[in-house]
PDB file of N, CA and C in Angstrom:
ATOM      1  N   MET A   1      31.191   0.662   5.695  1.00  0.00           N
ATOM      2  CA  MET A   1      30.415   1.841   6.006  1.00  0.00           C
ATOM      3  C   MET A   1      29.016   1.700   5.409  1.00  0.00           C
ATOM      4  N   ALA A   2      28.006   1.994   6.213  1.00  0.00           N
ATOM      5  CA  ALA A   2      26.624   1.876   5.767  1.00  0.00           C
ATOM      6  C   ALA A   2      26.295   2.951   4.735  1.00  0.00           C
ATOM      7  N   ALA A   3      25.449   2.574   3.788  1.00  0.00           N
ATOM      8  CA  ALA A   3      25.030   3.528   2.755  1.00  0.00           C
ATOM      9  C   ALA A   3      24.208   4.644   3.389  1.00  0.00           C
ATOM     10  N   LYS A   4      24.398   5.833   2.902  1.00  0.00           N
ATOM     11  CA  LYS A   4      23.656   6.982   3.398  1.00  0.00           C
ATOM     12  C   LYS A   4      22.212   6.896   2.917  1.00  0.00           C
ATOM     13  N   LYS A   5      21.264   7.193   3.826  1.00  0.00           N
ATOM     14  CA  LYS A   5      19.846   7.163   3.487  1.00  0.00           C
ATOM     15  C   LYS A   5      19.307   8.573   3.323  1.00  0.00           C
ATOM     16  N   HIS A   6      18.350   8.692   2.424  1.00  0.00           N
ATOM     17  CA  HIS A   6      17.657   9.951   2.176  1.00  0.00           C
ATOM     18  C   HIS A   6      16.157   9.651   2.249  1.00  0.00           C
ATOM     19  N   THR A   7      15.405  10.492   2.935  1.00  0.00           N
ATOM     20  CA  THR A   7      13.968  10.291   3.061  1.00  0.00           C
ATOM     21  C   THR A   7      13.225  11.441   2.403  1.00  0.00           C
ATOM     22  N   ARG A   8      12.201  11.100   1.647  1.00  0.00           N
ATOM     23  CA  ARG A   8      11.357  12.092   1.004  1.00  0.00           C
ATOM     24  C   ARG A   8       9.900  11.775   1.350  1.00  0.00           C
ATOM     25  N   ALA A   9       9.074  12.818   1.415  1.00  0.00           N
ATOM     26  CA  ALA A   9       7.645  12.657   1.685  1.00  0.00           C
ATOM     27  C   ALA A   9       6.861  13.230   0.516  1.00  0.00           C
ATOM     28  N   TYR A  10       5.910  12.456   0.022  1.00  0.00           N
ATOM     29  CA  TYR A  10       5.076  12.871  -1.105  1.00  0.00           C
ATOM     30  C   TYR A  10       3.627  12.942  -0.628  1.00  0.00           C
ATOM     31  N   GLY A  11       2.962  14.032  -0.963  1.00  0.00           N
ATOM     32  CA  GLY A  11       1.594  14.264  -0.513  1.00  0.00           C
ATOM     33  C   GLY A  11       0.632  13.157  -0.911  1.00  0.00           C
ATOM     34  N   ALA A  12      -0.375  12.945  -0.052  1.00  0.00           N
ATOM     35  CA  ALA A  12      -1.393  11.917  -0.299  1.00  0.00           C
ATOM     36  C   ALA A  12      -2.209  12.227  -1.544  1.00  0.00           C
ATOM     37  N   ASN A  13      -2.140  13.458  -2.014  1.00  0.00           N
ATOM     38  CA  ASN A  13      -2.903  13.852  -3.195  1.00  0.00           C
ATOM     39  C   ASN A  13      -2.152  13.608  -4.502  1.00  0.00           C
ATOM     40  N   MET A  14      -1.079  12.805  -4.455  1.00  0.00           N
ATOM     41  CA  MET A  14      -0.369  12.434  -5.690  1.00  0.00           C
ATOM     42  C   MET A  14      -1.410  11.952  -6.690  1.00  0.00           C
ATOM     43  N   SER A  15      -1.379  12.492  -7.899  1.00  0.00           N
ATOM     44  CA  SER A  15      -2.476  12.284  -8.847  1.00  0.00           C
ATOM     45  C   SER A  15      -2.594  10.863  -9.402  1.00  0.00           C
ATOM     46  N   SER A  16      -1.461  10.160  -9.511  1.00  0.00           N
ATOM     47  CA  SER A  16      -1.513   8.826 -10.115  1.00  0.00           C
ATOM     48  C   SER A  16      -0.280   8.021  -9.705  1.00  0.00           C
ATOM     49  N   LEU A  17      -0.367   6.723  -9.919  1.00  0.00           N
ATOM     50  CA  LEU A  17       0.785   5.863  -9.657  1.00  0.00           C
ATOM     51  C   LEU A  17       1.935   6.235 -10.589  1.00  0.00           C
ATOM     52  N   ASN A  18       1.608   6.590 -11.822  1.00  0.00           N
ATOM     53  CA  ASN A  18       2.631   7.033 -12.778  1.00  0.00           C
ATOM     54  C   ASN A  18       3.313   8.318 -12.289  1.00  0.00           C
ATOM     55  N   GLY A  19       2.545   9.214 -11.708  1.00  0.00           N
ATOM     56  CA  GLY A  19       3.113  10.441 -11.155  1.00  0.00           C
ATOM     57  C   GLY A  19       4.099  10.146 -10.039  1.00  0.00           C
ATOM     58  N   LEU A  20       3.768   9.180  -9.180  1.00  0.00           N
ATOM     59  CA  LEU A  20       4.673   8.779  -8.107  1.00  0.00           C
ATOM     60  C   LEU A  20       5.936   8.145  -8.683  1.00  0.00           C
ATOM     61  N   GLU A  21       5.766   7.311  -9.691  1.00  0.00           N
ATOM     62  CA  GLU A  21       6.907   6.669 -10.359  1.00  0.00           C
ATOM     63  C   GLU A  21       7.867   7.712 -10.924  1.00  0.00           C
ATOM     64  N   LEU A  22       7.338   8.693 -11.641  1.00  0.00           N
ATOM     65  CA  LEU A  22       8.177   9.736 -12.235  1.00  0.00           C
ATOM     66  C   LEU A  22       8.864  10.582 -11.163  1.00  0.00           C
ATOM     67  N   THR A  23       8.153  10.859 -10.081  1.00  0.00           N
ATOM     68  CA  THR A  23       8.727  11.626  -8.976  1.00  0.00           C
ATOM     69  C   THR A  23       9.884  10.868  -8.344  1.00  0.00           C
ATOM     70  N   CYS A  24       9.709   9.570  -8.132  1.00  0.00           N
ATOM     71  CA  CYS A  24      10.773   8.752  -7.537  1.00  0.00           C
ATOM     72  C   CYS A  24      11.978   8.643  -8.471  1.00  0.00           C
ATOM     73  N   GLU A  25      11.724   8.509  -9.774  1.00  0.00           N
ATOM     74  CA  GLU A  25      12.832   8.468 -10.732  1.00  0.00           C
ATOM     75  C   GLU A  25      13.628   9.772 -10.697  1.00  0.00           C
ATOM     76  N   THR A  26      12.921  10.888 -10.617  1.00  0.00           N
ATOM     77  CA  THR A  26      13.583  12.193 -10.545  1.00  0.00           C
ATOM     78  C   THR A  26      14.420  12.302  -9.276  1.00  0.00           C
ATOM     79  N   ASP A  27      13.848  11.861  -8.142  1.00  0.00           N
ATOM     80  CA  ASP A  27      14.594  11.923  -6.885  1.00  0.00           C
ATOM     81  C   ASP A  27      15.796  10.991  -6.894  1.00  0.00           C
ATOM     82  N   GLU A  28      15.676   9.821  -7.520  1.00  0.00           N
ATOM     83  CA  GLU A  28      16.843   8.940  -7.643  1.00  0.00           C
ATOM     84  C   GLU A  28      17.974   9.670  -8.368  1.00  0.00           C
ATOM     85  N   ALA A  29      17.641  10.324  -9.461  1.00  0.00           N
ATOM     86  CA  ALA A  29      18.662  11.031 -10.244  1.00  0.00           C
ATOM     87  C   ALA A  29      19.256  12.195  -9.451  1.00  0.00           C
ATOM     88  N   ASN A  30      18.409  12.978  -8.796  1.00  0.00           N
ATOM     89  CA  ASN A  30      18.885  14.152  -8.058  1.00  0.00           C
ATOM     90  C   ASN A  30      19.702  13.785  -6.823  1.00  0.00           C
ATOM     91  N   LEU A  31      19.366  12.658  -6.199  1.00  0.00           N
ATOM     92  CA  LEU A  31      20.058  12.233  -4.977  1.00  0.00           C
ATOM     93  C   LEU A  31      21.226  11.287  -5.256  1.00  0.00           C
ATOM     94  N   SER A  32      21.385  10.837  -6.502  1.00  0.00           N
ATOM     95  CA  SER A  32      22.351   9.788  -6.848  1.00  0.00           C
ATOM     96  C   SER A  32      22.155   8.585  -5.926  1.00  0.00           C
ATOM     97  N   SER A  33      20.895   8.234  -5.748  1.00  0.00           N
ATOM     98  CA  SER A  33      20.499   7.156  -4.832  1.00  0.00           C
ATOM     99  C   SER A  33      19.446   6.289  -5.490  1.00  0.00           C
ATOM    100  N   LYS A  34      19.222   5.120  -4.895  1.00  0.00           N
ATOM    101  CA  LYS A  34      18.194   4.235  -5.419  1.00  0.00           C
ATOM    102  C   LYS A  34      17.084   4.042  -4.393  1.00  0.00           C
ATOM    103  N   LEU A  35      15.861   3.915  -4.895  1.00  0.00           N
ATOM    104  CA  LEU A  35      14.700   3.719  -4.045  1.00  0.00           C
ATOM    105  C   LEU A  35      14.876   2.442  -3.248  1.00  0.00           C
ATOM    106  N   ASN A  36      14.597   2.507  -1.952  1.00  0.00           N
ATOM    107  CA  ASN A  36      14.745   1.354  -1.069  1.00  0.00           C
ATOM    108  C   ASN A  36      13.410   0.903  -0.467  1.00  0.00           C
ATOM    109  N   SER A  37      12.507   1.861  -0.182  1.00  0.00           N
ATOM    110  CA  SER A  37      11.228   1.482   0.414  1.00  0.00           C
ATOM    111  C   SER A  37      10.187   2.577   0.240  1.00  0.00           C
ATOM    112  N   LEU A  38       8.920   2.158   0.301  1.00  0.00           N
ATOM    113  CA  LEU A  38       7.760   3.049   0.283  1.00  0.00           C
ATOM    114  C   LEU A  38       6.851   2.641   1.425  1.00  0.00           C
ATOM    115  N   GLU A  39       6.327   3.626   2.150  1.00  0.00           N
ATOM    116  CA  GLU A  39       5.384   3.308   3.217  1.00  0.00           C
ATOM    117  C   GLU A  39       4.507   4.512   3.514  1.00  0.00           C
ATOM    118  N   LEU A  40       3.397   4.249   4.186  1.00  0.00           N
ATOM    119  CA  LEU A  40       2.490   5.310   4.598  1.00  0.00           C
ATOM    120  C   LEU A  40       3.039   5.974   5.846  1.00  0.00           C
ATOM    121  N   ALA A  41       2.843   7.278   5.946  1.00  0.00           N
ATOM    122  CA  ALA A  41       3.310   8.015   7.125  1.00  0.00           C
ATOM    123  C   ALA A  41       2.410   9.221   7.345  1.00  0.00           C
ATOM    124  N   LYS A  42       2.579   9.843   8.509  1.00  0.00           N
ATOM    125  CA  LYS A  42       1.852  11.075   8.832  1.00  0.00           C
ATOM    126  C   LYS A  42       2.821  12.073   9.428  1.00  0.00           C
ATOM    127  N   PHE A  43       2.600  13.342   9.086  1.00  0.00           N
ATOM    128  CA  PHE A  43       3.340  14.409   9.750  1.00  0.00           C
ATOM    129  C   PHE A  43       2.689  14.662  11.105  1.00  0.00           C
ATOM    130  N   GLU A  44       3.368  15.403  11.961  1.00  0.00           N
ATOM    131  CA  GLU A  44       2.833  15.716  13.282  1.00  0.00           C
ATOM    132  C   GLU A  44       1.487  16.416  13.210  1.00  0.00           C
ATOM    133  N   ASP A  45       1.244  17.180  12.139  1.00  0.00           N
ATOM    134  CA  ASP A  45      -0.032  17.890  12.001  1.00  0.00           C
ATOM    135  C   ASP A  45      -1.153  16.976  11.505  1.00  0.00           C
ATOM    136  N   GLY A  46      -0.835  15.679  11.272  1.00  0.00           N
ATOM    137  CA  GLY A  46      -1.838  14.705  10.849  1.00  0.00           C
ATOM    138  C   GLY A  46      -1.954  14.523   9.348  1.00  0.00           C
ATOM    139  N   SER A  47      -1.265  15.331   8.567  1.00  0.00           N
ATOM    140  CA  SER A  47      -1.356  15.187   7.117  1.00  0.00           C
ATOM    141  C   SER A  47      -0.676  13.893   6.670  1.00  0.00           C
ATOM    142  N   LYS A  48      -1.337  13.187   5.756  1.00  0.00           N
ATOM    143  CA  LYS A  48      -0.867  11.891   5.278  1.00  0.00           C
ATOM    144  C   LYS A  48       0.106  12.067   4.122  1.00  0.00           C
ATOM    145  N   VAL A  49       1.152  11.238   4.121  1.00  0.00           N
ATOM    146  CA  VAL A  49       2.164  11.268   3.069  1.00  0.00           C
ATOM    147  C   VAL A  49       2.631   9.851   2.745  1.00  0.00           C
ATOM    148  N   THR A  50       3.231   9.719   1.586  1.00  0.00           N
ATOM    149  CA  THR A  50       3.969   8.504   1.248  1.00  0.00           C
ATOM    150  C   THR A  50       5.429   8.789   1.565  1.00  0.00           C
ATOM    151  N   LYS A  51       6.009   7.961   2.410  1.00  0.00           N
ATOM    152  CA  LYS A  51       7.419   8.099   2.786  1.00  0.00           C
ATOM    153  C   LYS A  51       8.249   7.206   1.867  1.00  0.00           C
ATOM    154  N   ALA A  52       9.219   7.815   1.199  1.00  0.00           N
ATOM    155  CA  ALA A  52      10.129   7.073   0.328  1.00  0.00           C
ATOM    156  C   ALA A  52      11.535   7.184   0.903  1.00  0.00           C
ATOM    157  N   VAL A  53      12.195   6.046   1.048  1.00  0.00           N
ATOM    158  CA  VAL A  53      13.569   6.025   1.540  1.00  0.00           C
ATOM    159  C   VAL A  53      14.480   5.591   0.397  1.00  0.00           C
ATOM    160  N   TYR A  54      15.549   6.351   0.210  1.00  0.00           N
ATOM    161  CA  TYR A  54      16.540   6.092  -0.825  1.00  0.00           C
ATOM    162  C   TYR A  54      17.878   5.814  -0.156  1.00  0.00           C
ATOM    163  N   VAL A  55      18.699   4.977  -0.785  1.00  0.00           N
ATOM    164  CA  VAL A  55      20.063   4.737  -0.299  1.00  0.00           C
ATOM    165  C   VAL A  55      21.031   5.082  -1.425  1.00  0.00           C
ATOM    166  N   ASP A  56      22.200   5.591  -1.036  1.00  0.00           N
ATOM    167  CA  ASP A  56      23.200   5.973  -2.031  1.00  0.00           C
ATOM    168  C   ASP A  56      23.480   4.803  -2.973  1.00  0.00           C
ATOM    169  N   ALA A  57      23.617   5.117  -4.249  1.00  0.00           N
ATOM    170  CA  ALA A  57      23.856   4.101  -5.272  1.00  0.00           C
ATOM    171  C   ALA A  57      25.311   4.130  -5.716  1.00  0.00           C
ATOM    172  N   ASP A  58      25.877   2.958  -5.919  1.00  0.00           N
ATOM    173  CA  ASP A  58      27.236   2.852  -6.442  1.00  0.00           C
ATOM    174  C   ASP A  58      27.260   3.128  -7.940  1.00  0.00           C
ATOM    175  N   GLU A  59      26.230   2.647  -8.624  1.00  0.00           N
ATOM    176  CA  GLU A  59      26.166   2.811 -10.074  1.00  0.00           C
ATOM    177  C   GLU A  59      25.447   4.112 -10.416  1.00  0.00           C
ATOM    178  N   MET A  60      25.845   4.722 -11.502  1.00  0.00           N
ATOM    179  CA  MET A  60      25.245   6.001 -11.898  1.00  0.00           C
ATOM    180  C   MET A  60      23.967   5.797 -12.714  1.00  0.00           C
ATOM    181  N   ALA A  61      23.955   4.838 -13.636  1.00  0.00           N
ATOM    182  CA  ALA A  61      22.778   4.582 -14.461  1.00  0.00           C
ATOM    183  C   ALA A  61      21.929   3.515 -13.789  1.00  0.00           C
ATOM    184  N   LEU A  62      20.827   3.936 -13.191  1.00  0.00           N
ATOM    185  CA  LEU A  62      19.992   3.000 -12.443  1.00  0.00           C
ATOM    186  C   LEU A  62      18.917   2.343 -13.301  1.00  0.00           C
ATOM    187  N   GLY A  63      18.509   2.983 -14.369  1.00  0.00           N
ATOM    188  CA  GLY A  63      17.418   2.454 -15.179  1.00  0.00           C
ATOM    189  C   GLY A  63      16.086   2.944 -14.650  1.00  0.00           C
ATOM    190  N   GLU A  64      15.051   2.732 -15.435  1.00  0.00           N
ATOM    191  CA  GLU A  64      13.733   3.230 -15.056  1.00  0.00           C
ATOM    192  C   GLU A  64      13.101   2.374 -13.959  1.00  0.00           C
ATOM    193  N   LEU A  65      12.181   2.986 -13.237  1.00  0.00           N
ATOM    194  CA  LEU A  65      11.402   2.260 -12.244  1.00  0.00           C
ATOM    195  C   LEU A  65      10.082   1.831 -12.872  1.00  0.00           C
ATOM    196  N   ILE A  66       9.567   0.708 -12.412  1.00  0.00           N
ATOM    197  CA  ILE A  66       8.275   0.203 -12.875  1.00  0.00           C
ATOM    198  C   ILE A  66       7.403   0.027 -11.637  1.00  0.00           C
ATOM    199  N   PHE A  67       6.374   0.854 -11.508  1.00  0.00           N
ATOM    200  CA  PHE A  67       5.455   0.791 -10.369  1.00  0.00           C
ATOM    201  C   PHE A  67       4.191   0.060 -10.800  1.00  0.00           C
ATOM    202  N   GLU A  68       3.743  -0.885  -9.986  1.00  0.00           N
ATOM    203  CA  GLU A  68       2.500  -1.602 -10.266  1.00  0.00           C
ATOM    204  C   GLU A  68       1.709  -1.742  -8.974  1.00  0.00           C
ATOM    205  N   GLU A  69       0.390  -1.655  -9.103  1.00  0.00           N
ATOM    206  CA  GLU A  69      -0.476  -1.891  -7.954  1.00  0.00           C
ATOM    207  C   GLU A  69      -0.753  -3.390  -7.869  1.00  0.00           C
ATOM    208  N   PHE A  70      -0.754  -3.920  -6.637  1.00  0.00           N
ATOM    209  CA  PHE A  70      -1.109  -5.325  -6.457  1.00  0.00           C
ATOM    210  C   PHE A  70      -2.233  -5.429  -5.442  1.00  0.00           C
ATOM    211  N   THR A  71      -2.964  -6.551  -5.497  1.00  0.00           N
ATOM    212  CA  THR A  71      -4.128  -6.721  -4.618  1.00  0.00           C
ATOM    213  C   THR A  71      -3.870  -7.688  -3.480  1.00  0.00           C
ATOM    214  N   THR A  72      -3.192  -8.795  -3.759  1.00  0.00           N
ATOM    215  CA  THR A  72      -2.923  -9.813  -2.745  1.00  0.00           C
ATOM    216  C   THR A  72      -1.441 -10.203  -2.793  1.00  0.00           C
ATOM    217  N   GLU A  73      -0.995 -10.927  -1.785  1.00  0.00           N
ATOM    218  CA  GLU A  73       0.397 -11.402  -1.790  1.00  0.00           C
ATOM    219  C   GLU A  73       0.642 -12.329  -2.979  1.00  0.00           C
ATOM    220  N   ASN A  74      -0.350 -13.145  -3.335  1.00  0.00           N
ATOM    221  CA  ASN A  74      -0.217 -14.024  -4.493  1.00  0.00           C
ATOM    222  C   ASN A  74      -0.050 -13.199  -5.768  1.00  0.00           C
ATOM    223  N   ASP A  75      -0.820 -12.131  -5.885  1.00  0.00           N
ATOM    224  CA  ASP A  75      -0.697 -11.231  -7.033  1.00  0.00           C
ATOM    225  C   ASP A  75       0.715 -10.637  -7.089  1.00  0.00           C
ATOM    226  N   ALA A  76       1.234 -10.216  -5.947  1.00  0.00           N
ATOM    227  CA  ALA A  76       2.596  -9.659  -5.891  1.00  0.00           C
ATOM    228  C   ALA A  76       3.623 -10.710  -6.302  1.00  0.00           C
ATOM    229  N   ASP A  77       3.431 -11.949  -5.853  1.00  0.00           N
ATOM    230  CA  ASP A  77       4.360 -13.029  -6.199  1.00  0.00           C
ATOM    231  C   ASP A  77       4.352 -13.300  -7.707  1.00  0.00           C
ATOM    232  N   VAL A  78       3.163 -13.296  -8.308  1.00  0.00           N
ATOM    233  CA  VAL A  78       3.047 -13.524  -9.752  1.00  0.00           C
ATOM    234  C   VAL A  78       3.753 -12.399 -10.507  1.00  0.00           C
ATOM    235  N   ARG A  79       3.532 -11.162 -10.081  1.00  0.00           N
ATOM    236  CA  ARG A  79       4.182 -10.017 -10.736  1.00  0.00           C
ATOM    237  C   ARG A  79       5.706 -10.122 -10.607  1.00  0.00           C
ATOM    238  N   THR A  80       6.175 -10.545  -9.443  1.00  0.00           N
ATOM    239  CA  THR A  80       7.618 -10.714  -9.240  1.00  0.00           C
ATOM    240  C   THR A  80       8.172 -11.756 -10.193  1.00  0.00           C
ATOM    241  N   SER A  81       7.481 -12.867 -10.352  1.00  0.00           N
ATOM    242  CA  SER A  81       7.928 -13.928 -11.262  1.00  0.00           C
ATOM    243  C   SER A  81       7.985 -13.440 -12.705  1.00  0.00           C
ATOM    244  N   ILE A  82       6.971 -12.693 -13.114  1.00  0.00           N
ATOM    245  CA  ILE A  82       6.923 -12.178 -14.486  1.00  0.00           C
ATOM    246  C   ILE A  82       8.107 -11.244 -14.736  1.00  0.00           C
ATOM    247  N   HIS A  83       8.365 -10.336 -13.803  1.00  0.00           N
ATOM    248  CA  HIS A  83       9.460  -9.382 -13.999  1.00  0.00           C
ATOM    249  C   HIS A  83      10.826 -10.067 -13.909  1.00  0.00           C
ATOM    250  N   LYS A  84      10.908 -11.112 -13.113  1.00  0.00           N
ATOM    251  CA  LYS A  84      12.172 -11.856 -13.008  1.00  0.00           C
ATOM    252  C   LYS A  84      12.533 -12.472 -14.358  1.00  0.00           C
ATOM    253  N   THR A  85      11.533 -13.001 -15.072  1.00  0.00           N
ATOM    254  CA  THR A  85      11.808 -13.588 -16.384  1.00  0.00           C
ATOM    255  C   THR A  85      12.239 -12.524 -17.389  1.00  0.00           C
ATOM    256  N   LYS A  86      11.854 -11.274 -17.152  1.00  0.00           N
ATOM    257  CA  LYS A  86      12.257 -10.168 -18.026  1.00  0.00           C
ATOM    258  C   LYS A  86      13.566  -9.530 -17.560  1.00  0.00           C
ATOM    259  N   GLN A  87      14.170 -10.112 -16.532  1.00  0.00           N
ATOM    260  CA  GLN A  87      15.405  -9.590 -15.932  1.00  0.00           C
ATOM    261  C   GLN A  87      15.221  -8.155 -15.438  1.00  0.00           C
ATOM    262  N   GLU A  88      14.053  -7.909 -14.836  1.00  0.00           N
ATOM    263  CA  GLU A  88      13.743  -6.624 -14.215  1.00  0.00           C
ATOM    264  C   GLU A  88      13.671  -6.866 -12.710  1.00  0.00           C
ATOM    265  N   PRO A  89      14.740  -6.538 -11.984  1.00  0.00           N
ATOM    266  CA  PRO A  89      14.824  -6.900 -10.576  1.00  0.00           C
ATOM    267  C   PRO A  89      13.811  -6.189  -9.673  1.00  0.00           C
ATOM    268  N   PHE A  90      13.433  -6.890  -8.625  1.00  0.00           N
ATOM    269  CA  PHE A  90      12.565  -6.365  -7.577  1.00  0.00           C
ATOM    270  C   PHE A  90      13.289  -5.242  -6.842  1.00  0.00           C
ATOM    271  N   VAL A  91      12.597  -4.139  -6.584  1.00  0.00           N
ATOM    272  CA  VAL A  91      13.162  -3.013  -5.841  1.00  0.00           C
ATOM    273  C   VAL A  91      12.589  -2.972  -4.436  1.00  0.00           C
ATOM    274  N   CYS A  92      11.248  -2.907  -4.330  1.00  0.00           N
ATOM    275  CA  CYS A  92      10.606  -2.878  -3.015  1.00  0.00           C
ATOM    276  C   CYS A  92       9.112  -3.115  -3.163  1.00  0.00           C
ATOM    277  N   LYS A  93       8.476  -3.378  -2.041  1.00  0.00           N
ATOM    278  CA  LYS A  93       7.029  -3.558  -1.986  1.00  0.00           C
ATOM    279  C   LYS A  93       6.549  -2.785  -0.773  1.00  0.00           C
ATOM    280  N   GLY A  94       5.475  -2.028  -0.927  1.00  0.00           N
ATOM    281  CA  GLY A  94       4.969  -1.251   0.196  1.00  0.00           C
ATOM    282  C   GLY A  94       3.625  -0.648  -0.124  1.00  0.00           C
ATOM    283  N   GLN A  95       3.325   0.445   0.562  1.00  0.00           N
ATOM    284  CA  GLN A  95       2.068   1.138   0.338  1.00  0.00           C
ATOM    285  C   GLN A  95       2.342   2.604   0.046  1.00  0.00           C
ATOM    286  N   ALA A  96       1.413   3.204  -0.707  1.00  0.00           N
ATOM    287  CA  ALA A  96       1.539   4.611  -1.063  1.00  0.00           C
ATOM    288  C   ALA A  96       0.150   5.222  -1.145  1.00  0.00           C
ATOM    289  N   PHE A  97       0.091   6.539  -0.962  1.00  0.00           N
ATOM    290  CA  PHE A  97      -1.148   7.266  -1.178  1.00  0.00           C
ATOM    291  C   PHE A  97      -1.175   7.751  -2.624  1.00  0.00           C
ATOM    292  N   VAL A  98      -2.289   7.477  -3.301  1.00  0.00           N
ATOM    293  CA  VAL A  98      -2.527   7.981  -4.656  1.00  0.00           C
ATOM    294  C   VAL A  98      -3.952   8.525  -4.664  1.00  0.00           C
ATOM    295  N   SER A  99      -4.102   9.781  -4.994  1.00  0.00           N
ATOM    296  CA  SER A  99      -5.411  10.446  -4.960  1.00  0.00           C
ATOM    297  C   SER A  99      -6.095  10.258  -3.606  1.00  0.00           C
ATOM    298  N   ASN A 100      -5.302  10.382  -2.540  1.00  0.00           N
ATOM    299  CA  ASN A 100      -5.771  10.278  -1.154  1.00  0.00           C
ATOM    300  C   ASN A 100      -6.298   8.895  -0.779  1.00  0.00           C
ATOM    301  N   LYS A 101      -5.958   7.878  -1.550  1.00  0.00           N
ATOM    302  CA  LYS A 101      -6.352   6.500  -1.255  1.00  0.00           C
ATOM    303  C   LYS A 101      -5.106   5.645  -1.102  1.00  0.00           C
ATOM    304  N   THR A 102      -5.176   4.654  -0.217  1.00  0.00           N
ATOM    305  CA  THR A 102      -4.054   3.748   0.006  1.00  0.00           C
ATOM    306  C   THR A 102      -3.979   2.719  -1.116  1.00  0.00           C
ATOM    307  N   LYS A 103      -2.787   2.542  -1.648  1.00  0.00           N
ATOM    308  CA  LYS A 103      -2.547   1.553  -2.704  1.00  0.00           C
ATOM    309  C   LYS A 103      -1.396   0.649  -2.289  1.00  0.00           C
ATOM    310  N   ASN A 104      -1.521  -0.646  -2.572  1.00  0.00           N
ATOM    311  CA  ASN A 104      -0.407  -1.582  -2.407  1.00  0.00           C
ATOM    312  C   ASN A 104       0.439  -1.483  -3.666  1.00  0.00           C
ATOM    313  N   VAL A 105       1.725  -1.227  -3.488  1.00  0.00           N
ATOM    314  CA  VAL A 105       2.606  -0.964  -4.627  1.00  0.00           C
ATOM    315  C   VAL A 105       3.814  -1.885  -4.590  1.00  0.00           C
ATOM    316  N   ILE A 106       4.141  -2.434  -5.768  1.00  0.00           N
ATOM    317  CA  ILE A 106       5.361  -3.213  -5.927  1.00  0.00           C
ATOM    318  C   ILE A 106       6.186  -2.533  -7.023  1.00  0.00           C
ATOM    319  N   VAL A 107       7.494  -2.461  -6.807  1.00  0.00           N
ATOM    320  CA  VAL A 107       8.355  -1.704  -7.719  1.00  0.00           C
ATOM    321  C   VAL A 107       9.464  -2.599  -8.243  1.00  0.00           C
ATOM    322  N   PHE A 108       9.721  -2.483  -9.534  1.00  0.00           N
ATOM    323  CA  PHE A 108      10.792  -3.203 -10.205  1.00  0.00           C
ATOM    324  C   PHE A 108      11.675  -2.200 -10.937  1.00  0.00           C
ATOM    325  N   ARG A 109      12.857  -2.629 -11.319  1.00  0.00           N
ATOM    326  CA  ARG A 109      13.763  -1.768 -12.069  1.00  0.00           C
ATOM    327  C   ARG A 109      13.837  -2.286 -13.507  1.00  0.00           C
ATOM    328  N   GLY A 110      13.470  -1.400 -14.434  1.00  0.00           N
ATOM    329  CA  GLY A 110      13.537  -1.745 -15.862  1.00  0.00           C
ATOM    330  C   GLY A 110      14.976  -1.655 -16.345  1.00  0.00           C
ATOM    331  N   LYS A 111      15.150  -2.034 -17.565  1.00  0.00           N
ATOM    332  CA  LYS A 111      16.486  -2.051 -18.167  1.00  0.00           C
ATOM    333  C   LYS A 111      16.917  -0.679 -18.606  1.00  0.00           C
TER     334      LYS A 111
END
């Protein structure tokens, strides 16, 4: 049976990357789900949002999320390698609105 998905939309005026991280951690806890993806989206009225998709989690203690902005694919690869050595697994890579600006975001799971 496929894991149940939950979708949340966060306003483009999210104040900071840290604010988005804390919001996603809260939603993971409230939904008993883990973050699966982040992407840019628009509502029918044209308002911009960050779309976050969560999937049901088997484990209850997920650990903290680590959000980082990246500039290039090489930068993302380097960040992935660094977190891998710290045993902080890759969660997803996508885009998000922060202070009404598009940011490239890579997410890892802390211990």
